[in-house]
């Protein structure tokens, strides 16, 4: 089966210096776990990276909206009743986690929650605006990137994934 999809022979999956999975050359991947569930996502690629996150779909003990959402995102969820609002915050948190995992191989640094705005759409995709730092030094500029986010809720879980491609590769 591995040969059919272009995967080399058995090789251990290592860990990057920042804690992500280290896959064979030509592969990208991500992992996530919560409570009693773990998920992994891998893809052959020389042009994109992927990220995945899983969350238990229940209200958090503390409201984290102001910690993880931008002012625009807070405005978007303001009209929602408490329970749908809490579920929307968790969905956006999960999407941002997936995005950050996919961004890490490109930027190699912690990406703060204010550096991405996510608007989940009813079709299971999301509109994403990256607000990455843009230093005066061109060698430190990050991006531009094309971001594709997918999400769904099922069986008490939220699963999100992100695929990121550097725009100059398009």
N, C-alpha and C. Protein backbone atom coordinates (compact mmCIF):
# COMPACT_ATOMS: atom_id res chain seq x y z
N UNK A 1 0.82 -1.19 0.00
CA UNK A 1 0.00 0.00 0.00
C UNK A 1 0.87 1.26 0.00
N UNK A 2 1.94 1.29 0.83
CA UNK A 2 2.79 2.48 0.88
C UNK A 2 3.38 2.78 -0.48
N UNK A 3 3.80 1.75 -1.20
CA UNK A 3 4.39 1.98 -2.52
C UNK A 3 3.37 2.58 -3.48
N UNK A 4 2.11 2.16 -3.36
CA UNK A 4 1.07 2.66 -4.25
C UNK A 4 0.83 4.16 -4.08
N UNK A 5 1.08 4.69 -2.88
CA UNK A 5 0.88 6.13 -2.66
C UNK A 5 2.20 6.89 -2.61
N UNK A 6 3.28 6.22 -2.94
CA UNK A 6 4.57 6.90 -3.03
C UNK A 6 5.28 7.08 -1.71
N UNK A 7 4.91 6.33 -0.70
CA UNK A 7 5.54 6.44 0.61
C UNK A 7 6.75 5.51 0.66
N UNK A 8 7.86 6.00 1.21
CA UNK A 8 9.02 5.12 1.34
C UNK A 8 8.73 3.99 2.32
N UNK A 9 9.65 3.06 2.41
CA UNK A 9 9.49 1.93 3.33
C UNK A 9 9.28 2.39 4.76
N UNK A 10 9.11 1.47 5.64
CA UNK A 10 8.86 1.80 7.04
C UNK A 10 9.97 2.69 7.58
N UNK A 11 9.55 3.78 8.19
CA UNK A 11 10.48 4.70 8.81
C UNK A 11 9.78 5.29 10.02
N UNK A 12 10.51 5.49 11.11
CA UNK A 12 9.86 6.07 12.28
C UNK A 12 9.44 7.51 12.02
N UNK A 13 8.35 7.90 12.64
CA UNK A 13 7.93 9.30 12.59
C UNK A 13 8.61 9.98 13.77
N UNK A 14 9.45 10.94 13.46
CA UNK A 14 10.18 11.65 14.50
C UNK A 14 9.41 12.87 14.98
N UNK A 15 10.13 13.74 15.66
CA UNK A 15 9.55 14.97 16.19
C UNK A 15 10.42 16.14 15.76
N UNK A 16 9.78 17.19 15.28
CA UNK A 16 10.51 18.40 14.92
C UNK A 16 10.97 19.11 16.19
N UNK A 17 11.90 20.05 16.08
CA UNK A 17 12.35 20.79 17.28
C UNK A 17 11.20 21.52 17.99
N UNK A 18 10.11 21.81 17.26
CA UNK A 18 8.98 22.52 17.86
C UNK A 18 7.84 21.57 18.24
N UNK A 19 8.08 20.25 18.16
CA UNK A 19 7.10 19.30 18.65
C UNK A 19 6.15 18.70 17.64
N UNK A 20 6.27 19.08 16.38
CA UNK A 20 5.40 18.51 15.35
C UNK A 20 5.94 17.18 14.85
N UNK A 21 5.13 16.44 14.10
CA UNK A 21 5.61 15.18 13.55
C UNK A 21 6.63 15.41 12.43
N UNK A 22 7.68 14.64 12.43
CA UNK A 22 8.72 14.71 11.40
C UNK A 22 8.51 13.51 10.49
N UNK A 23 8.02 13.77 9.29
CA UNK A 23 7.69 12.71 8.34
C UNK A 23 8.78 12.58 7.29
N UNK A 24 8.76 11.48 6.53
CA UNK A 24 9.76 11.32 5.45
C UNK A 24 9.68 12.48 4.45
N UNK A 25 10.77 12.72 3.76
CA UNK A 25 10.81 13.78 2.74
C UNK A 25 9.67 13.60 1.75
N UNK A 26 9.07 14.71 1.36
CA UNK A 26 7.97 14.67 0.41
C UNK A 26 6.61 14.45 1.06
N UNK A 27 6.57 14.44 2.39
CA UNK A 27 5.32 14.22 3.12
C UNK A 27 5.11 15.35 4.12
N UNK A 28 3.84 15.67 4.38
CA UNK A 28 3.45 16.63 5.41
C UNK A 28 2.42 15.96 6.30
N UNK A 29 2.38 16.38 7.55
CA UNK A 29 1.41 15.75 8.44
C UNK A 29 1.22 16.52 9.73
N UNK A 30 0.20 16.10 10.47
CA UNK A 30 -0.14 16.75 11.72
C UNK A 30 -0.89 15.75 12.60
N UNK A 31 -0.81 15.96 13.91
CA UNK A 31 -1.54 15.10 14.84
C UNK A 31 -2.24 15.97 15.88
N UNK A 32 -3.28 15.39 16.50
CA UNK A 32 -3.99 16.06 17.59
C UNK A 32 -4.62 15.00 18.47
N UNK A 33 -4.82 15.32 19.73
CA UNK A 33 -5.49 14.37 20.63
C UNK A 33 -6.21 15.11 21.73
N UNK A 34 -7.27 14.52 22.20
CA UNK A 34 -8.07 15.02 23.32
C UNK A 34 -8.66 13.82 24.03
N UNK A 35 -8.68 13.86 25.32
CA UNK A 35 -9.31 12.79 26.11
C UNK A 35 -8.95 11.41 25.57
N UNK A 36 -9.91 10.72 24.98
CA UNK A 36 -9.69 9.34 24.51
C UNK A 36 -9.64 9.23 22.99
N UNK A 37 -9.39 10.33 22.30
CA UNK A 37 -9.35 10.27 20.83
C UNK A 37 -8.07 10.94 20.33
N UNK A 38 -7.53 10.37 19.27
CA UNK A 38 -6.36 10.95 18.60
C UNK A 38 -6.62 10.89 17.10
N UNK A 39 -6.14 11.90 16.38
CA UNK A 39 -6.27 11.93 14.93
C UNK A 39 -4.93 12.29 14.31
N UNK A 40 -4.72 11.81 13.12
CA UNK A 40 -3.53 12.14 12.36
C UNK A 40 -3.92 12.42 10.92
N UNK A 41 -3.17 13.28 10.29
CA UNK A 41 -3.42 13.63 8.89
C UNK A 41 -2.07 13.67 8.20
N UNK A 42 -1.95 12.95 7.10
CA UNK A 42 -0.70 12.95 6.34
C UNK A 42 -1.03 13.05 4.86
N UNK A 43 -0.12 13.69 4.12
CA UNK A 43 -0.34 13.90 2.70
C UNK A 43 1.00 13.97 1.98
N UNK A 44 1.10 13.32 0.82
CA UNK A 44 2.32 13.52 0.04
C UNK A 44 2.30 14.95 -0.49
N UNK A 45 3.41 15.65 -0.34
CA UNK A 45 3.43 17.03 -0.81
C UNK A 45 4.83 17.59 -0.86
N UNK A 46 5.05 18.35 -1.89
CA UNK A 46 6.26 19.16 -1.97
C UNK A 46 5.87 20.63 -1.99
N UNK A 47 4.55 20.92 -1.97
CA UNK A 47 4.11 22.30 -2.13
C UNK A 47 3.19 22.82 -1.04
N UNK A 48 2.69 21.97 -0.16
CA UNK A 48 1.81 22.46 0.89
C UNK A 48 2.08 21.74 2.21
N UNK A 49 1.52 22.29 3.27
CA UNK A 49 1.58 21.67 4.59
C UNK A 49 0.15 21.51 5.10
N UNK A 50 -0.03 20.64 6.08
CA UNK A 50 -1.36 20.43 6.65
C UNK A 50 -1.30 20.52 8.18
N UNK A 51 -2.45 20.83 8.75
CA UNK A 51 -2.62 20.85 10.20
C UNK A 51 -3.97 20.26 10.53
N UNK A 52 -4.08 19.64 11.69
CA UNK A 52 -5.34 19.04 12.12
C UNK A 52 -5.53 19.30 13.60
N UNK A 53 -6.80 19.43 14.01
CA UNK A 53 -7.12 19.58 15.43
C UNK A 53 -8.43 18.89 15.70
N UNK A 54 -8.54 18.30 16.89
CA UNK A 54 -9.79 17.69 17.34
C UNK A 54 -10.10 18.28 18.72
N UNK A 55 -11.36 18.59 18.94
CA UNK A 55 -11.82 19.12 20.22
C UNK A 55 -13.10 18.40 20.62
N UNK A 56 -13.29 18.23 21.91
CA UNK A 56 -14.55 17.70 22.42
C UNK A 56 -15.55 18.85 22.37
N UNK A 57 -16.68 18.63 21.71
CA UNK A 57 -17.66 19.70 21.45
C UNK A 57 -18.55 19.92 22.68
N UNK A 58 -17.97 20.58 23.66
CA UNK A 58 -18.73 20.94 24.86
C UNK A 58 -18.22 22.31 25.33
N UNK A 59 -19.08 23.05 26.02
CA UNK A 59 -18.64 24.38 26.49
C UNK A 59 -17.41 24.26 27.39
N UNK A 60 -16.50 25.19 27.22
CA UNK A 60 -15.30 25.23 28.05
C UNK A 60 -15.67 25.76 29.44
N UNK A 61 -14.86 25.45 30.42
CA UNK A 61 -15.11 25.91 31.78
C UNK A 61 -15.03 27.43 31.86
N UNK A 62 -14.08 28.01 31.12
CA UNK A 62 -13.89 29.46 31.12
C UNK A 62 -14.12 30.00 29.70
N UNK A 63 -14.63 31.20 29.62
CA UNK A 63 -14.82 31.85 28.32
C UNK A 63 -13.47 32.36 27.83
N UNK A 64 -12.98 31.77 26.74
CA UNK A 64 -11.65 32.13 26.21
C UNK A 64 -11.74 33.07 25.01
N UNK A 65 -12.95 33.53 24.69
CA UNK A 65 -13.15 34.33 23.48
C UNK A 65 -12.20 35.51 23.39
N UNK A 66 -12.07 36.29 24.46
CA UNK A 66 -11.20 37.48 24.41
C UNK A 66 -9.71 37.12 24.31
N UNK A 67 -9.37 35.89 24.64
CA UNK A 67 -7.98 35.45 24.53
C UNK A 67 -7.62 34.97 23.14
N UNK A 68 -8.60 34.47 22.39
CA UNK A 68 -8.26 33.83 21.11
C UNK A 68 -8.88 34.50 19.89
N UNK A 69 -9.84 35.41 20.08
CA UNK A 69 -10.51 36.03 18.94
C UNK A 69 -10.08 37.48 18.78
N UNK A 70 -10.07 37.93 17.53
CA UNK A 70 -9.78 39.33 17.24
C UNK A 70 -11.04 40.16 17.50
N UNK A 71 -10.90 41.46 17.49
CA UNK A 71 -12.05 42.35 17.70
C UNK A 71 -13.14 42.08 16.66
N UNK A 72 -12.74 41.85 15.41
CA UNK A 72 -13.72 41.57 14.36
C UNK A 72 -14.46 40.27 14.62
N UNK A 73 -13.73 39.25 15.05
CA UNK A 73 -14.35 37.96 15.36
C UNK A 73 -15.31 38.09 16.54
N UNK A 74 -14.92 38.86 17.56
CA UNK A 74 -15.80 39.08 18.70
C UNK A 74 -17.10 39.77 18.27
N UNK A 75 -16.99 40.71 17.34
CA UNK A 75 -18.18 41.37 16.79
C UNK A 75 -19.09 40.37 16.08
N UNK A 76 -18.49 39.47 15.31
CA UNK A 76 -19.27 38.47 14.57
C UNK A 76 -20.08 37.57 15.49
N UNK A 77 -19.54 37.20 16.64
CA UNK A 77 -20.24 36.26 17.51
C UNK A 77 -21.08 36.95 18.58
N UNK A 78 -20.98 38.27 18.70
CA UNK A 78 -21.69 39.02 19.75
C UNK A 78 -23.20 38.76 19.77
N UNK A 79 -23.87 38.64 18.61
CA UNK A 79 -25.33 38.45 18.65
C UNK A 79 -25.77 37.05 19.09
N UNK A 80 -24.87 36.11 19.19
CA UNK A 80 -25.24 34.73 19.50
C UNK A 80 -25.61 34.56 20.97
N UNK A 81 -26.56 33.65 21.23
CA UNK A 81 -26.91 33.26 22.59
C UNK A 81 -25.72 32.54 23.21
N UNK A 82 -25.66 32.42 24.54
CA UNK A 82 -24.47 31.86 25.20
C UNK A 82 -24.01 30.49 24.69
N UNK A 83 -24.90 29.51 24.54
CA UNK A 83 -24.44 28.18 24.11
C UNK A 83 -23.92 28.16 22.68
N UNK A 84 -24.67 28.72 21.70
CA UNK A 84 -24.11 28.76 20.33
C UNK A 84 -22.83 29.59 20.26
N UNK A 85 -22.75 30.64 21.07
CA UNK A 85 -21.54 31.47 21.10
C UNK A 85 -20.35 30.63 21.58
N UNK A 86 -20.54 29.87 22.66
CA UNK A 86 -19.46 29.04 23.20
C UNK A 86 -19.01 28.00 22.17
N UNK A 87 -19.97 27.42 21.44
CA UNK A 87 -19.61 26.42 20.43
C UNK A 87 -18.86 27.08 19.27
N UNK A 88 -19.25 28.29 18.92
CA UNK A 88 -18.57 29.03 17.84
C UNK A 88 -17.14 29.38 18.25
N UNK A 89 -16.94 29.78 19.50
CA UNK A 89 -15.59 30.09 20.00
C UNK A 89 -14.72 28.84 19.90
N UNK A 90 -15.24 27.70 20.32
CA UNK A 90 -14.46 26.45 20.28
C UNK A 90 -14.13 26.06 18.84
N UNK A 91 -15.07 26.23 17.93
CA UNK A 91 -14.81 25.91 16.52
C UNK A 91 -13.70 26.80 15.96
N UNK A 92 -13.75 28.09 16.25
CA UNK A 92 -12.71 29.01 15.76
C UNK A 92 -11.36 28.69 16.41
N UNK A 93 -11.37 28.34 17.70
CA UNK A 93 -10.13 27.92 18.36
C UNK A 93 -9.52 26.73 17.63
N UNK A 94 -10.34 25.72 17.34
CA UNK A 94 -9.86 24.52 16.68
C UNK A 94 -9.31 24.84 15.29
N UNK A 95 -10.02 25.66 14.53
CA UNK A 95 -9.54 26.04 13.20
C UNK A 95 -8.20 26.76 13.28
N UNK A 96 -8.05 27.65 14.26
CA UNK A 96 -6.78 28.36 14.42
C UNK A 96 -5.66 27.39 14.80
N UNK A 97 -5.95 26.42 15.64
CA UNK A 97 -4.94 25.42 15.98
C UNK A 97 -4.47 24.68 14.73
N UNK A 98 -5.40 24.29 13.86
CA UNK A 98 -5.04 23.61 12.61
C UNK A 98 -4.19 24.51 11.73
N UNK A 99 -4.58 25.76 11.63
CA UNK A 99 -3.83 26.73 10.82
C UNK A 99 -2.41 26.89 11.35
N UNK A 100 -2.27 27.05 12.66
CA UNK A 100 -0.95 27.26 13.24
C UNK A 100 -0.04 26.06 13.04
N UNK A 101 -0.62 24.86 13.14
CA UNK A 101 0.19 23.66 12.91
C UNK A 101 0.67 23.60 11.46
N UNK A 102 -0.18 23.98 10.52
CA UNK A 102 0.22 23.98 9.11
C UNK A 102 1.19 25.12 8.80
N UNK A 103 1.10 26.22 9.52
CA UNK A 103 2.01 27.36 9.30
C UNK A 103 3.40 27.11 9.87
N UNK A 104 3.50 26.33 10.92
CA UNK A 104 4.76 26.19 11.64
C UNK A 104 5.95 25.81 10.76
N UNK A 105 5.81 24.87 9.83
CA UNK A 105 6.99 24.56 8.99
C UNK A 105 7.49 25.77 8.17
N UNK A 106 6.60 26.71 7.88
CA UNK A 106 7.00 27.90 7.12
C UNK A 106 7.60 28.98 8.01
N UNK A 107 6.98 29.25 9.17
CA UNK A 107 7.40 30.39 9.99
C UNK A 107 8.29 30.01 11.16
N UNK A 108 8.20 28.77 11.65
CA UNK A 108 9.07 28.30 12.70
C UNK A 108 9.02 29.10 14.00
N UNK A 109 7.84 29.58 14.34
CA UNK A 109 7.69 30.37 15.57
C UNK A 109 6.27 30.22 16.09
N UNK A 110 6.07 30.62 17.33
CA UNK A 110 4.72 30.65 17.89
C UNK A 110 3.91 31.70 17.12
N UNK A 111 2.74 31.32 16.67
CA UNK A 111 1.84 32.25 15.99
C UNK A 111 0.69 32.52 16.96
N UNK A 112 0.51 33.79 17.31
CA UNK A 112 -0.52 34.17 18.28
C UNK A 112 -1.92 34.08 17.69
N UNK A 113 -2.90 33.96 18.58
CA UNK A 113 -4.30 33.82 18.14
C UNK A 113 -4.79 35.04 17.37
N UNK A 114 -4.21 36.21 17.61
CA UNK A 114 -4.63 37.42 16.90
C UNK A 114 -4.06 37.49 15.48
N UNK A 115 -3.22 36.51 15.11
CA UNK A 115 -2.60 36.55 13.79
C UNK A 115 -3.41 35.83 12.71
N UNK A 116 -4.59 35.36 13.09
CA UNK A 116 -5.49 34.76 12.10
C UNK A 116 -6.92 35.07 12.50
N UNK A 117 -7.73 35.43 11.50
CA UNK A 117 -9.16 35.62 11.70
C UNK A 117 -9.87 34.53 10.92
N UNK A 118 -10.80 33.85 11.59
CA UNK A 118 -11.49 32.71 11.00
C UNK A 118 -12.99 32.94 11.08
N UNK A 119 -13.65 32.77 9.95
CA UNK A 119 -15.11 32.82 9.92
C UNK A 119 -15.60 31.50 9.33
N UNK A 120 -16.07 30.58 10.19
CA UNK A 120 -16.59 29.30 9.68
C UNK A 120 -17.84 29.53 8.82
N UNK A 121 -17.92 28.79 7.73
CA UNK A 121 -19.06 28.87 6.83
C UNK A 121 -19.91 27.61 6.96
N UNK A 122 -21.18 27.72 6.63
CA UNK A 122 -22.12 26.61 6.80
C UNK A 122 -21.75 25.38 5.98
N UNK A 123 -20.97 25.55 4.91
CA UNK A 123 -20.62 24.40 4.06
C UNK A 123 -19.43 23.59 4.57
N UNK A 124 -18.94 23.90 5.77
CA UNK A 124 -17.81 23.16 6.32
C UNK A 124 -16.45 23.70 5.92
N UNK A 125 -16.42 24.87 5.32
CA UNK A 125 -15.16 25.55 5.02
C UNK A 125 -15.09 26.78 5.92
N UNK A 126 -14.08 27.60 5.74
CA UNK A 126 -13.96 28.82 6.52
C UNK A 126 -13.25 29.88 5.71
N UNK A 127 -13.66 31.10 5.93
CA UNK A 127 -12.95 32.26 5.37
C UNK A 127 -11.84 32.59 6.36
N UNK A 128 -10.61 32.74 5.87
CA UNK A 128 -9.46 32.97 6.74
C UNK A 128 -8.68 34.19 6.26
N UNK A 129 -8.35 35.05 7.20
CA UNK A 129 -7.45 36.18 6.92
C UNK A 129 -6.25 36.02 7.85
N UNK A 130 -5.07 35.87 7.27
CA UNK A 130 -3.86 35.81 8.08
C UNK A 130 -3.36 37.22 8.33
N UNK A 131 -3.00 37.51 9.57
CA UNK A 131 -2.52 38.82 9.97
C UNK A 131 -1.11 38.66 10.54
N UNK A 132 -0.27 37.95 9.79
CA UNK A 132 1.09 37.66 10.24
C UNK A 132 1.93 38.91 10.25
N UNK A 133 2.95 38.88 11.11
CA UNK A 133 3.83 40.03 11.20
C UNK A 133 4.46 40.32 9.84
N UNK A 134 4.74 41.55 9.59
CA UNK A 134 5.34 41.98 8.33
C UNK A 134 6.46 42.96 8.67
N UNK A 135 7.57 42.41 9.10
CA UNK A 135 8.70 43.24 9.52
C UNK A 135 9.23 44.08 8.36
N UNK A 136 9.90 45.14 8.72
CA UNK A 136 10.54 46.00 7.72
C UNK A 136 11.63 45.25 6.95
N UNK A 137 12.26 44.29 7.58
CA UNK A 137 13.30 43.49 6.95
C UNK A 137 12.64 42.45 6.04
N UNK A 138 12.77 42.57 4.71
CA UNK A 138 12.12 41.64 3.79
C UNK A 138 12.48 40.18 4.03
N UNK A 139 13.65 39.91 4.60
CA UNK A 139 14.02 38.52 4.85
C UNK A 139 13.20 37.90 5.98
N UNK A 140 12.52 38.73 6.76
CA UNK A 140 11.70 38.23 7.87
C UNK A 140 10.21 38.21 7.54
N UNK A 141 9.84 38.63 6.36
CA UNK A 141 8.42 38.65 6.00
C UNK A 141 7.89 37.24 5.87
N UNK A 142 6.68 37.05 6.30
CA UNK A 142 6.04 35.74 6.26
C UNK A 142 4.87 35.77 5.29
N UNK A 143 4.83 34.79 4.42
CA UNK A 143 3.73 34.73 3.47
C UNK A 143 4.10 35.41 2.19
N UNK A 144 3.13 35.65 1.37
CA UNK A 144 1.70 35.36 1.56
C UNK A 144 1.40 33.86 1.42
N UNK A 145 0.29 33.46 2.02
CA UNK A 145 -0.13 32.07 2.01
C UNK A 145 -1.56 31.93 1.53
N UNK A 146 -1.83 30.80 0.90
CA UNK A 146 -3.20 30.41 0.58
C UNK A 146 -3.62 29.40 1.65
N UNK A 147 -4.76 29.66 2.30
CA UNK A 147 -5.21 28.81 3.41
C UNK A 147 -6.57 28.20 3.07
N UNK A 148 -6.67 26.89 3.21
CA UNK A 148 -7.92 26.16 3.00
C UNK A 148 -8.26 25.45 4.31
N UNK A 149 -9.37 25.82 4.94
CA UNK A 149 -9.80 25.21 6.20
C UNK A 149 -11.08 24.43 5.97
N UNK A 150 -11.13 23.25 6.56
CA UNK A 150 -12.34 22.40 6.53
C UNK A 150 -12.68 22.04 7.97
N UNK A 151 -13.98 21.88 8.25
CA UNK A 151 -14.39 21.52 9.60
C UNK A 151 -15.70 20.72 9.56
N UNK A 152 -15.91 19.94 10.63
CA UNK A 152 -17.22 19.33 10.83
C UNK A 152 -17.38 18.93 12.29
N UNK A 153 -18.64 18.82 12.67
CA UNK A 153 -19.02 18.37 14.02
C UNK A 153 -19.70 17.03 13.86
N UNK A 154 -19.31 16.06 14.71
CA UNK A 154 -19.96 14.75 14.68
C UNK A 154 -19.64 14.02 15.98
N UNK A 155 -20.63 13.32 16.47
CA UNK A 155 -20.47 12.45 17.64
C UNK A 155 -19.79 13.15 18.81
N UNK A 156 -20.16 14.41 19.04
CA UNK A 156 -19.62 15.14 20.19
C UNK A 156 -18.21 15.67 20.00
N UNK A 157 -17.72 15.70 18.74
CA UNK A 157 -16.37 16.18 18.45
C UNK A 157 -16.41 17.27 17.40
N UNK A 158 -15.39 18.10 17.40
CA UNK A 158 -15.13 19.05 16.32
C UNK A 158 -13.81 18.63 15.71
N UNK A 159 -13.78 18.48 14.40
CA UNK A 159 -12.55 18.15 13.69
C UNK A 159 -12.31 19.25 12.67
N UNK A 160 -11.11 19.83 12.70
CA UNK A 160 -10.75 20.85 11.72
C UNK A 160 -9.44 20.45 11.06
N UNK A 161 -9.27 20.91 9.83
CA UNK A 161 -8.01 20.71 9.12
C UNK A 161 -7.69 21.96 8.32
N UNK A 162 -6.42 22.17 8.11
CA UNK A 162 -5.96 23.31 7.30
C UNK A 162 -4.90 22.81 6.33
N UNK A 163 -4.96 23.35 5.12
CA UNK A 163 -3.92 23.10 4.11
C UNK A 163 -3.39 24.47 3.73
N UNK A 164 -2.07 24.62 3.78
CA UNK A 164 -1.47 25.92 3.49
C UNK A 164 -0.44 25.78 2.39
N UNK A 165 -0.52 26.70 1.46
CA UNK A 165 0.38 26.76 0.32
C UNK A 165 0.97 28.16 0.26
N UNK A 166 2.28 28.26 0.13
CA UNK A 166 2.89 29.57 -0.08
C UNK A 166 2.42 30.11 -1.42
N UNK A 167 1.93 31.33 -1.44
CA UNK A 167 1.34 31.89 -2.66
C UNK A 167 2.31 31.95 -3.83
N UNK A 168 3.59 32.14 -3.57
CA UNK A 168 4.53 32.22 -4.70
C UNK A 168 4.67 30.87 -5.41
N UNK A 169 4.16 29.80 -4.82
CA UNK A 169 4.21 28.49 -5.46
C UNK A 169 3.01 28.27 -6.37
N UNK A 170 2.05 29.14 -6.34
CA UNK A 170 0.83 28.97 -7.15
C UNK A 170 1.10 29.10 -8.62
